[in-house]
N, C-alpha and C. Protein backbone atom coordinates (compact mmCIF):
# COMPACT_ATOMS: atom_id res chain seq x y z
N MET A 1 -58.74 -46.61 -17.52
CA MET A 1 -57.74 -47.08 -16.64
C MET A 1 -57.24 -45.13 -16.40
N ALA A 2 -57.23 -44.74 -17.73
CA ALA A 2 -56.43 -43.43 -17.85
C ALA A 2 -57.47 -42.48 -17.07
N GLY A 3 -56.59 -41.01 -16.22
CA GLY A 3 -57.53 -40.20 -15.35
C GLY A 3 -57.10 -41.30 -14.25
N THR A 4 -57.02 -42.15 -13.95
CA THR A 4 -57.57 -42.39 -12.27
C THR A 4 -56.59 -42.31 -11.43
N GLY A 5 -55.05 -41.69 -11.35
CA GLY A 5 -53.81 -41.40 -11.07
C GLY A 5 -53.02 -42.74 -10.34
N THR A 6 -52.74 -43.95 -11.11
CA THR A 6 -52.53 -45.31 -11.23
C THR A 6 -51.40 -45.35 -11.39
N GLY A 7 -51.05 -43.99 -11.95
CA GLY A 7 -49.45 -43.64 -12.42
C GLY A 7 -48.89 -44.07 -13.90
N THR A 8 -50.39 -44.54 -14.70
CA THR A 8 -49.88 -44.78 -16.02
C THR A 8 -49.19 -43.22 -16.93
N PRO A 9 -48.38 -43.34 -17.35
CA PRO A 9 -48.04 -41.99 -18.13
C PRO A 9 -48.86 -40.84 -18.69
N GLY A 10 -48.67 -40.05 -18.45
CA GLY A 10 -50.04 -38.48 -18.93
C GLY A 10 -50.89 -38.65 -17.55
N THR A 11 -50.92 -39.49 -16.53
CA THR A 11 -51.68 -38.72 -15.35
C THR A 11 -51.73 -37.86 -14.62
N SER A 12 -51.73 -37.64 -13.96
CA SER A 12 -51.93 -35.65 -13.20
C SER A 12 -50.11 -36.75 -12.06
N VAL A 13 -50.07 -37.80 -12.02
CA VAL A 13 -49.07 -38.03 -10.88
C VAL A 13 -47.75 -37.60 -11.74
N TRP A 14 -47.59 -38.36 -13.45
CA TRP A 14 -46.68 -37.99 -13.93
C TRP A 14 -46.27 -36.46 -13.94
N GLY A 15 -47.52 -35.69 -14.31
CA GLY A 15 -47.23 -34.55 -14.68
C GLY A 15 -46.91 -33.80 -13.23
N ALA A 16 -47.27 -33.86 -12.44
CA ALA A 16 -46.63 -33.46 -10.65
C ALA A 16 -45.03 -33.65 -10.28
N ILE A 17 -44.61 -34.78 -10.73
CA ILE A 17 -43.20 -34.99 -10.87
C ILE A 17 -42.14 -34.64 -11.62
N GLY A 18 -42.87 -34.20 -13.04
CA GLY A 18 -42.19 -33.77 -14.00
C GLY A 18 -41.86 -32.07 -13.66
N ALA A 19 -43.29 -31.05 -12.65
CA ALA A 19 -43.36 -29.85 -12.70
C ALA A 19 -42.40 -29.87 -11.78
N ALA A 20 -42.19 -30.68 -10.55
CA ALA A 20 -41.11 -30.43 -9.59
C ALA A 20 -39.28 -31.26 -9.97
N ALA A 21 -39.49 -31.63 -11.15
CA ALA A 21 -38.22 -31.76 -11.36
C ALA A 21 -37.45 -30.06 -12.25
N ALA A 22 -38.96 -29.88 -12.79
CA ALA A 22 -38.28 -28.40 -13.26
C ALA A 22 -38.01 -27.39 -12.51
N VAL A 23 -38.96 -27.31 -10.98
CA VAL A 23 -38.64 -26.44 -10.36
C VAL A 23 -37.25 -26.73 -9.46
N LEU A 24 -36.76 -27.89 -9.27
CA LEU A 24 -36.04 -27.96 -9.04
C LEU A 24 -34.84 -28.33 -9.76
N SER A 25 -34.59 -28.26 -10.96
CA SER A 25 -33.58 -27.95 -12.05
C SER A 25 -33.82 -26.41 -12.19
N ALA A 26 -35.15 -25.69 -12.24
CA ALA A 26 -34.62 -24.39 -11.94
C ALA A 26 -33.85 -23.68 -10.89
N ALA A 27 -33.96 -23.99 -9.96
CA ALA A 27 -33.36 -24.21 -8.19
C ALA A 27 -31.99 -23.94 -8.47
N ALA A 28 -31.61 -25.40 -8.65
CA ALA A 28 -30.55 -25.32 -8.77
C ALA A 28 -29.15 -24.52 -9.53
N ALA A 29 -30.10 -24.15 -11.01
CA ALA A 29 -29.15 -23.81 -11.51
C ALA A 29 -29.13 -21.94 -11.57
N PHE A 30 -30.32 -21.65 -10.58
CA PHE A 30 -29.72 -20.39 -9.61
C PHE A 30 -29.38 -20.76 -8.75
N ALA A 31 -28.54 -21.58 -7.85
CA ALA A 31 -27.72 -21.47 -6.77
C ALA A 31 -26.46 -22.06 -7.45
N ALA A 32 -26.42 -22.14 -9.16
CA ALA A 32 -24.92 -22.70 -9.67
C ALA A 32 -24.80 -21.09 -10.03
N LEU A 33 -25.95 -20.41 -10.29
CA LEU A 33 -25.68 -19.06 -10.56
C LEU A 33 -24.76 -18.06 -9.33
N LEU A 34 -25.21 -18.34 -8.35
CA LEU A 34 -25.01 -17.40 -6.95
C LEU A 34 -23.87 -18.03 -6.41
N VAL A 35 -23.48 -19.18 -6.18
CA VAL A 35 -22.03 -19.85 -6.32
C VAL A 35 -21.02 -19.31 -7.35
N SER A 36 -21.13 -18.83 -8.62
CA SER A 36 -20.68 -18.22 -9.86
C SER A 36 -20.27 -16.98 -9.19
N PHE A 37 -21.41 -16.15 -8.87
CA PHE A 37 -21.08 -14.82 -9.00
C PHE A 37 -19.96 -14.81 -7.28
N GLN A 38 -20.34 -15.23 -6.32
CA GLN A 38 -19.58 -15.03 -5.04
C GLN A 38 -18.54 -15.67 -5.39
N SER A 39 -17.96 -16.65 -6.31
CA SER A 39 -16.93 -16.85 -6.79
C SER A 39 -15.86 -15.86 -7.50
N LEU A 40 -16.68 -15.53 -8.50
CA LEU A 40 -16.47 -14.26 -9.35
C LEU A 40 -15.92 -12.87 -8.18
N ARG A 41 -16.75 -12.61 -7.14
CA ARG A 41 -16.30 -11.85 -6.34
C ARG A 41 -14.97 -11.93 -5.70
N ILE A 42 -14.70 -13.14 -4.94
CA ILE A 42 -13.80 -14.09 -4.22
C ILE A 42 -12.65 -13.44 -5.18
N ALA A 43 -12.12 -13.63 -6.39
CA ALA A 43 -11.50 -13.95 -7.17
C ALA A 43 -11.13 -12.34 -7.64
N ARG A 44 -12.21 -11.93 -7.53
CA ARG A 44 -11.43 -10.13 -8.19
C ARG A 44 -11.55 -9.53 -6.66
N ASP A 45 -11.73 -9.75 -5.70
CA ASP A 45 -11.26 -8.87 -4.15
C ASP A 45 -9.72 -9.23 -3.82
N ALA A 46 -9.26 -10.86 -4.70
CA ALA A 46 -8.05 -11.23 -4.32
C ALA A 46 -7.31 -10.67 -4.68
N GLN A 47 -7.32 -10.24 -6.51
CA GLN A 47 -6.89 -9.88 -7.48
C GLN A 47 -6.59 -8.19 -7.01
N THR A 48 -7.29 -7.36 -6.39
CA THR A 48 -7.74 -6.25 -5.85
C THR A 48 -6.15 -6.33 -4.65
N ALA A 49 -6.44 -6.99 -3.87
CA ALA A 49 -5.95 -7.10 -3.08
C ALA A 49 -4.38 -7.32 -3.37
N LEU A 50 -4.22 -8.16 -4.33
CA LEU A 50 -2.79 -8.71 -4.86
C LEU A 50 -2.23 -7.42 -5.43
N HIS A 51 -3.03 -6.34 -6.16
CA HIS A 51 -2.81 -5.64 -7.07
C HIS A 51 -1.97 -4.07 -5.87
N LEU A 52 -3.03 -4.20 -4.97
CA LEU A 52 -2.68 -3.02 -3.93
C LEU A 52 -1.38 -3.68 -3.23
N GLN A 53 -1.26 -4.81 -3.02
CA GLN A 53 0.34 -4.97 -2.07
C GLN A 53 1.37 -5.06 -3.31
N GLN A 54 1.43 -4.92 -4.97
CA GLN A 54 2.53 -4.63 -5.48
C GLN A 54 3.00 -3.69 -5.49
N ARG A 55 1.35 -3.02 -5.84
CA ARG A 55 1.48 -1.13 -5.76
C ARG A 55 2.65 -0.54 -4.36
N GLU A 56 2.24 -0.95 -3.58
CA GLU A 56 2.52 -0.93 -2.59
C GLU A 56 4.25 -1.42 -1.56
N GLN A 57 4.37 -2.18 -2.96
CA GLN A 57 6.03 -2.80 -2.59
C GLN A 57 7.30 -2.03 -2.51
N ILE A 58 7.13 -0.73 -3.25
CA ILE A 58 7.94 0.28 -3.26
C ILE A 58 7.26 1.21 -1.93
N ALA A 59 6.74 1.53 -2.19
CA ALA A 59 6.53 2.56 -1.03
C ALA A 59 6.54 2.34 0.54
N SER A 60 6.19 1.01 0.38
CA SER A 60 6.47 0.20 1.83
C SER A 60 8.03 0.12 2.62
N ARG A 61 8.56 0.59 1.69
CA ARG A 61 10.45 0.82 2.05
C ARG A 61 10.71 1.80 2.07
N VAL A 62 9.82 2.84 1.91
CA VAL A 62 10.52 4.57 2.12
C VAL A 62 9.33 5.03 3.58
N TYR A 63 10.61 5.52 4.78
CA TYR A 63 10.17 5.77 5.93
C TYR A 63 11.09 6.96 6.68
N LEU A 64 10.58 6.98 7.65
CA LEU A 64 11.17 8.56 8.34
C LEU A 64 11.91 7.57 9.60
N SER A 65 13.09 7.96 9.96
CA SER A 65 13.20 7.28 11.58
C SER A 65 14.37 7.86 12.11
N GLU A 66 14.72 7.48 13.42
CA GLU A 66 16.01 7.59 14.02
C GLU A 66 17.06 7.60 12.59
N ALA A 67 18.23 8.15 12.79
CA ALA A 67 19.33 7.38 12.12
C ALA A 67 19.95 6.22 12.64
N PRO A 68 19.73 5.12 12.00
CA PRO A 68 20.61 3.84 12.48
C PRO A 68 22.18 3.94 12.91
N HIS A 69 22.53 3.25 13.58
CA HIS A 69 23.71 3.48 14.59
C HIS A 69 24.55 3.49 13.35
N TYR A 70 24.68 2.88 12.54
CA TYR A 70 26.05 2.76 11.19
C TYR A 70 25.97 4.34 10.70
N ALA A 71 25.29 4.85 10.27
CA ALA A 71 25.31 6.06 9.76
C ALA A 71 25.75 7.44 10.21
N TYR A 72 26.02 6.76 12.22
CA TYR A 72 26.22 7.86 12.82
C TYR A 72 27.95 7.87 12.38
N ALA A 73 28.91 6.85 11.60
CA ALA A 73 29.93 6.84 11.20
C ALA A 73 30.24 7.20 10.28
N HIS A 74 29.30 7.66 9.34
CA HIS A 74 29.17 8.23 7.92
C HIS A 74 28.86 10.10 8.06
N ALA A 75 28.51 10.08 9.40
CA ALA A 75 27.62 11.58 9.58
C ALA A 75 28.81 12.46 9.46
N PRO A 76 28.74 13.98 8.81
CA PRO A 76 30.27 15.14 8.97
C PRO A 76 30.15 14.98 10.63
N GLN A 77 30.85 15.83 11.26
CA GLN A 77 30.93 16.33 12.53
C GLN A 77 30.01 17.38 12.67
N ALA A 78 30.08 18.30 12.10
CA ALA A 78 28.82 19.42 12.58
C ALA A 78 27.90 18.48 12.63
N TRP A 79 27.74 17.86 12.02
CA TRP A 79 25.79 17.54 11.68
C TRP A 79 25.76 16.95 13.48
N LEU A 80 26.55 16.14 13.43
CA LEU A 80 27.12 15.88 15.06
C LEU A 80 27.00 16.39 15.99
N THR A 81 27.25 17.61 15.78
CA THR A 81 28.33 18.64 17.47
C THR A 81 26.71 19.31 17.57
N ALA A 82 25.65 19.31 15.93
CA ALA A 82 24.54 20.20 15.92
C ALA A 82 23.73 19.54 16.71
N LEU A 83 23.36 18.24 16.62
CA LEU A 83 22.97 17.57 17.00
C LEU A 83 22.84 18.06 19.16
N ASN A 84 23.99 18.11 19.66
CA ASN A 84 24.39 18.19 20.54
C ASN A 84 23.27 17.17 21.97
N GLY A 85 23.67 14.90 21.58
CA GLY A 85 23.44 14.42 21.91
C GLY A 85 21.86 13.94 21.69
N HIS A 86 20.88 15.00 20.85
CA HIS A 86 19.94 14.45 20.62
C HIS A 86 19.64 13.67 19.07
N PRO A 87 18.79 12.58 19.48
CA PRO A 87 18.78 11.84 18.16
C PRO A 87 18.86 12.63 16.98
N GLY A 88 19.63 12.38 15.82
CA GLY A 88 19.57 12.82 14.29
C GLY A 88 18.43 11.85 13.61
N TYR A 89 17.70 12.21 12.82
CA TYR A 89 16.69 11.58 11.56
C TYR A 89 16.81 11.57 10.22
N VAL A 90 16.13 10.76 10.21
CA VAL A 90 16.46 10.06 8.29
C VAL A 90 15.44 9.94 7.39
N VAL A 91 15.91 9.96 5.80
CA VAL A 91 14.35 9.24 5.17
C VAL A 91 15.44 8.62 4.67
N MET A 92 14.53 7.19 4.78
CA MET A 92 15.28 5.98 4.67
C MET A 92 14.49 5.48 2.79
N ASN A 93 15.32 4.65 2.18
CA ASN A 93 14.52 4.19 1.19
C ASN A 93 15.12 2.87 1.00
N ALA A 94 14.54 1.90 1.44
CA ALA A 94 14.93 0.88 1.68
C ALA A 94 14.81 -0.20 0.77
N SER A 95 14.20 0.47 -0.57
CA SER A 95 13.83 -0.50 -1.93
C SER A 95 14.74 -0.17 -2.55
N THR A 96 14.72 -0.75 -4.17
CA THR A 96 16.39 -0.70 -4.96
C THR A 96 15.30 0.17 -6.42
N VAL A 97 14.59 0.76 -5.89
CA VAL A 97 13.86 1.53 -6.96
C VAL A 97 14.12 3.05 -6.17
N GLN A 98 14.34 3.97 -7.37
CA GLN A 98 14.41 5.22 -6.92
C GLN A 98 12.89 5.85 -6.79
N VAL A 99 12.57 7.09 -5.61
CA VAL A 99 11.52 7.75 -5.41
C VAL A 99 12.31 8.93 -5.61
N ASN A 100 11.37 9.95 -5.94
CA ASN A 100 10.92 10.89 -7.25
C ASN A 100 9.73 11.84 -5.95
N GLN A 101 10.47 13.11 -6.13
CA GLN A 101 9.34 14.32 -5.91
C GLN A 101 9.06 14.08 -4.03
N VAL A 102 10.63 13.89 -3.20
CA VAL A 102 10.78 13.81 -2.15
C VAL A 102 10.82 14.74 -1.25
N TRP A 103 10.08 14.94 -0.32
CA TRP A 103 10.10 16.42 0.46
C TRP A 103 9.15 15.71 1.70
N ILE A 104 9.71 16.62 3.24
CA ILE A 104 10.10 15.62 4.48
C ILE A 104 8.82 17.69 4.73
N GLU A 105 7.83 16.99 5.60
CA GLU A 105 7.04 17.83 6.63
C GLU A 105 6.86 18.02 7.48
N GLY A 106 7.65 19.41 7.75
CA GLY A 106 8.23 19.92 9.72
C GLY A 106 7.26 20.35 10.05
N PRO A 107 7.10 20.51 11.03
CA PRO A 107 6.23 21.74 12.22
C PRO A 107 6.64 23.22 11.85
N HIS A 108 5.07 23.80 11.71
CA HIS A 108 4.93 25.20 11.75
C HIS A 108 5.50 25.95 9.98
N HIS A 109 4.99 24.72 9.17
CA HIS A 109 5.57 24.92 7.43
C HIS A 109 6.55 24.77 7.09
N THR A 110 7.66 24.15 8.17
CA THR A 110 8.99 23.85 7.51
C THR A 110 8.93 22.21 6.53
N SER A 111 9.27 22.64 5.93
CA SER A 111 10.11 21.70 4.88
C SER A 111 10.94 21.16 4.98
N VAL A 112 11.58 19.76 4.06
CA VAL A 112 13.08 19.82 3.52
C VAL A 112 12.88 18.79 2.36
N ASN A 113 13.48 19.23 1.39
CA ASN A 113 13.26 18.80 -0.36
C ASN A 113 14.08 17.60 -0.65
N ILE A 114 13.98 16.98 -0.94
CA ILE A 114 15.02 15.90 -1.30
C ILE A 114 15.00 15.75 -3.10
N TRP A 115 13.65 15.57 -3.49
CA TRP A 115 13.90 15.44 -5.24
C TRP A 115 13.80 14.01 -5.41
N GLY A 116 15.24 13.65 -5.94
CA GLY A 116 15.17 12.10 -5.65
C GLY A 116 15.99 11.69 -4.90
N LEU A 117 15.28 10.63 -4.20
CA LEU A 117 15.64 9.90 -3.24
C LEU A 117 16.39 8.53 -3.44
N GLN A 118 17.50 8.00 -4.23
CA GLN A 118 18.49 6.65 -4.48
C GLN A 118 17.73 5.44 -3.91
N GLY A 119 17.45 4.60 -4.55
CA GLY A 119 17.49 3.19 -4.18
C GLY A 119 18.64 2.68 -2.70
N CYS A 120 17.85 2.11 -2.07
CA CYS A 120 19.00 1.94 -0.74
C CYS A 120 19.56 3.23 -0.26
N SER A 121 19.09 4.01 -0.01
CA SER A 121 20.33 4.75 0.54
C SER A 121 18.92 5.70 1.66
N LEU A 122 19.60 6.83 2.66
CA LEU A 122 19.12 7.09 3.70
C LEU A 122 19.78 8.75 3.27
N TYR A 123 18.85 9.72 3.39
CA TYR A 123 19.34 11.29 3.58
C TYR A 123 19.40 11.51 5.24
N ALA A 124 19.83 12.48 5.48
CA ALA A 124 19.91 12.77 6.72
C ALA A 124 18.83 14.37 6.76
N LEU A 125 18.46 14.54 8.05
CA LEU A 125 16.92 15.16 8.41
C LEU A 125 18.52 16.48 8.84
N PRO A 126 18.16 18.07 8.27
CA PRO A 126 18.89 19.21 9.62
C PRO A 126 18.84 19.18 10.77
N PRO A 127 19.70 19.26 11.41
CA PRO A 127 19.66 18.68 13.43
C PRO A 127 18.11 20.08 13.78
N GLY A 128 17.42 18.84 14.75
CA GLY A 128 16.37 19.62 15.19
C GLY A 128 15.31 20.17 13.93
N PHE A 129 15.39 19.21 13.20
CA PHE A 129 14.10 19.16 12.47
C PHE A 129 13.35 18.08 12.85
N GLN A 130 11.79 18.39 13.58
CA GLN A 130 11.26 17.57 13.86
C GLN A 130 10.07 16.39 12.14
N PRO A 131 10.53 15.81 11.81
CA PRO A 131 9.69 15.23 11.08
C PRO A 131 8.36 14.92 11.02
N ILE A 132 7.79 15.60 10.46
CA ILE A 132 5.84 14.74 10.45
C ILE A 132 5.65 13.78 9.24
N ALA A 133 6.25 14.01 8.39
CA ALA A 133 5.64 13.21 7.15
C ALA A 133 6.85 13.02 6.26
N VAL A 134 6.71 12.04 4.73
CA VAL A 134 7.66 12.33 4.44
C VAL A 134 6.43 11.92 2.97
N ASP A 135 6.73 12.82 1.61
CA ASP A 135 5.65 12.71 0.70
C ASP A 135 6.47 12.13 -0.10
N PHE A 136 5.91 11.24 -1.18
CA PHE A 136 7.39 11.12 -2.20
C PHE A 136 6.43 10.29 -3.67
N ALA A 137 6.79 10.25 -4.73
CA ALA A 137 6.70 9.73 -5.59
C ALA A 137 6.85 8.25 -6.40
N ASP A 138 6.64 6.66 -6.72
CA ASP A 138 7.29 5.99 -6.88
C ASP A 138 6.56 5.72 -8.54
N PRO A 139 7.01 4.66 -8.93
CA PRO A 139 6.25 4.33 -10.91
C PRO A 139 4.86 4.15 -9.85
N TYR A 140 4.38 3.86 -9.16
CA TYR A 140 2.97 3.20 -8.87
C TYR A 140 1.85 4.90 -8.65
N GLY A 141 2.33 5.44 -8.13
CA GLY A 141 1.78 7.16 -7.13
C GLY A 141 2.51 7.85 -6.16
N HIS A 142 1.51 8.31 -6.10
CA HIS A 142 2.32 9.56 -4.90
C HIS A 142 1.48 8.72 -3.27
N TRP A 143 2.72 8.81 -2.73
CA TRP A 143 2.39 7.95 -1.37
C TRP A 143 2.87 9.45 -0.39
N ARG A 144 1.86 9.09 0.87
CA ARG A 144 2.78 9.60 2.18
C ARG A 144 2.66 8.89 3.63
N ARG A 145 3.56 8.89 4.12
CA ARG A 145 4.07 8.20 4.91
C ARG A 145 4.54 8.87 6.55
N THR A 146 3.70 8.89 7.39
CA THR A 146 3.80 9.55 8.42
C THR A 146 5.07 9.25 9.75
N PHE A 147 4.99 10.11 10.09
CA PHE A 147 6.63 9.20 11.23
C PHE A 147 6.34 8.30 11.92
N ALA A 148 4.53 8.53 11.80
CA ALA A 148 4.46 6.90 13.08
C ALA A 148 4.11 5.65 12.28
N GLY A 149 4.21 5.82 10.89
CA GLY A 149 4.57 4.75 9.66
C GLY A 149 3.05 4.38 9.33
N THR A 150 2.32 5.43 8.86
CA THR A 150 1.13 5.08 8.40
C THR A 150 0.98 5.33 7.19
N LEU A 151 0.64 4.65 6.37
CA LEU A 151 1.27 4.81 4.45
C LEU A 151 0.04 5.29 3.92
N THR A 152 -0.24 6.19 3.22
CA THR A 152 -1.89 6.51 2.50
C THR A 152 -1.14 6.94 1.38
N SER A 153 -2.26 6.48 0.04
CA SER A 153 -1.74 6.63 -1.86
C SER A 153 -2.04 7.92 -2.26
N HIS A 154 -2.26 9.25 -0.97
CA HIS A 154 -2.21 10.51 -1.64
C HIS A 154 -1.47 11.46 -1.27
N GLY A 155 -0.32 11.16 -1.47
CA GLY A 155 0.84 12.33 -0.50
C GLY A 155 0.56 13.98 -1.04
N LYS A 156 0.86 14.64 -0.40
CA LYS A 156 0.91 16.29 -0.97
C LYS A 156 1.81 16.56 -1.62
N PRO A 157 1.43 17.74 -2.49
CA PRO A 157 2.30 18.03 -3.94
C PRO A 157 3.69 18.81 -2.96
N MET A 158 5.18 18.54 -3.24
CA MET A 158 5.51 19.45 -3.22
C MET A 158 5.41 20.56 -2.78
N PRO A 159 6.08 21.80 -2.11
CA PRO A 159 5.89 22.55 -1.43
C PRO A 159 6.68 23.55 -3.00
N ALA A 160 6.61 24.66 -3.72
CA ALA A 160 7.96 25.49 -4.18
C ALA A 160 9.12 24.95 -4.21
N GLU A 161 9.13 26.00 -2.51
CA GLU A 161 10.47 26.38 -2.38
C GLU A 161 10.40 25.20 -0.43
N ALA A 162 11.67 24.74 -0.12
CA ALA A 162 12.07 23.95 1.14
C ALA A 162 12.18 24.98 2.06
N THR A 163 12.69 24.97 3.21
CA THR A 163 12.95 25.56 4.27
C THR A 163 14.13 25.18 4.89
N ASP A 164 14.52 24.27 3.81
CA ASP A 164 15.58 23.43 4.11
C ASP A 164 16.08 22.14 3.41
N GLY A 165 17.60 21.63 3.10
CA GLY A 165 17.46 20.69 2.56
C GLY A 165 18.42 19.42 3.34
N SER A 166 18.23 18.76 2.50
CA SER A 166 19.56 17.30 3.39
C SER A 166 21.21 17.68 3.55
N PRO A 167 21.49 17.64 4.53
CA PRO A 167 22.91 18.11 5.24
C PRO A 167 23.98 16.86 4.17
N TRP A 168 23.34 15.87 4.14
CA TRP A 168 24.24 14.59 3.81
C TRP A 168 23.35 12.95 3.84
N TRP A 169 23.84 12.21 2.98
CA TRP A 169 22.91 11.33 2.36
C TRP A 169 24.85 9.86 2.58
N ALA A 170 24.06 8.55 2.54
CA ALA A 170 24.88 7.15 3.04
C ALA A 170 24.42 5.84 1.98
N ASP A 171 24.57 5.21 2.15
CA ASP A 171 24.17 4.04 1.54
C ASP A 171 23.33 3.40 2.63
N ALA A 172 22.35 2.97 2.52
CA ALA A 172 21.05 2.22 3.95
C ALA A 172 21.71 0.85 3.47
N ARG A 173 21.73 -0.14 4.42
CA ARG A 173 21.94 -1.35 4.58
C ARG A 173 20.59 -2.00 4.85
N SER A 174 20.79 -3.47 4.49
CA SER A 174 18.93 -4.58 4.44
C SER A 174 18.35 -4.01 3.60
N CYS A 175 18.92 -4.38 1.85
CA CYS A 175 17.79 -3.52 1.02
C CYS A 175 17.30 -4.28 0.47
N THR A 176 15.96 -4.41 -0.25
CA THR A 176 15.07 -5.43 -0.82
C THR A 176 14.52 -5.21 -1.88
């Protein structure tokens, strides 16, 4: 009866079943490996996103804006008079961490250097100064934020000399 293919052990049917089981086992192991690699990639992407979010935590709270209404109460009369009814601009640090190497780029190679911007503060820009972007450094790197709000992680180096400075500063509200 051996070799007749009736299903006794050692026949070609059992050999085919064993070969098929080996192929299925290898395919299952390969699929598990693919799932592991995909899970690793997803975890790495999530970790990268979290790291970027942590890095941007301070930088996202430094920005240029029109002076908030409460700031005008702290402004020197000379600054208010020089505005002549036009809005005044400030650089705001709404984080609780000081940022350094702060400079504001204006048109036609003009700039305002502030060096250190205390946490939870705002610094006024000279009347008539039209800010383009603020560049600064925090513990996580050098940053640049445009007046429109775009934040990039590669700020420009501070110019050796500024064309102007900040005329006054005040405490900012709503800091975190």
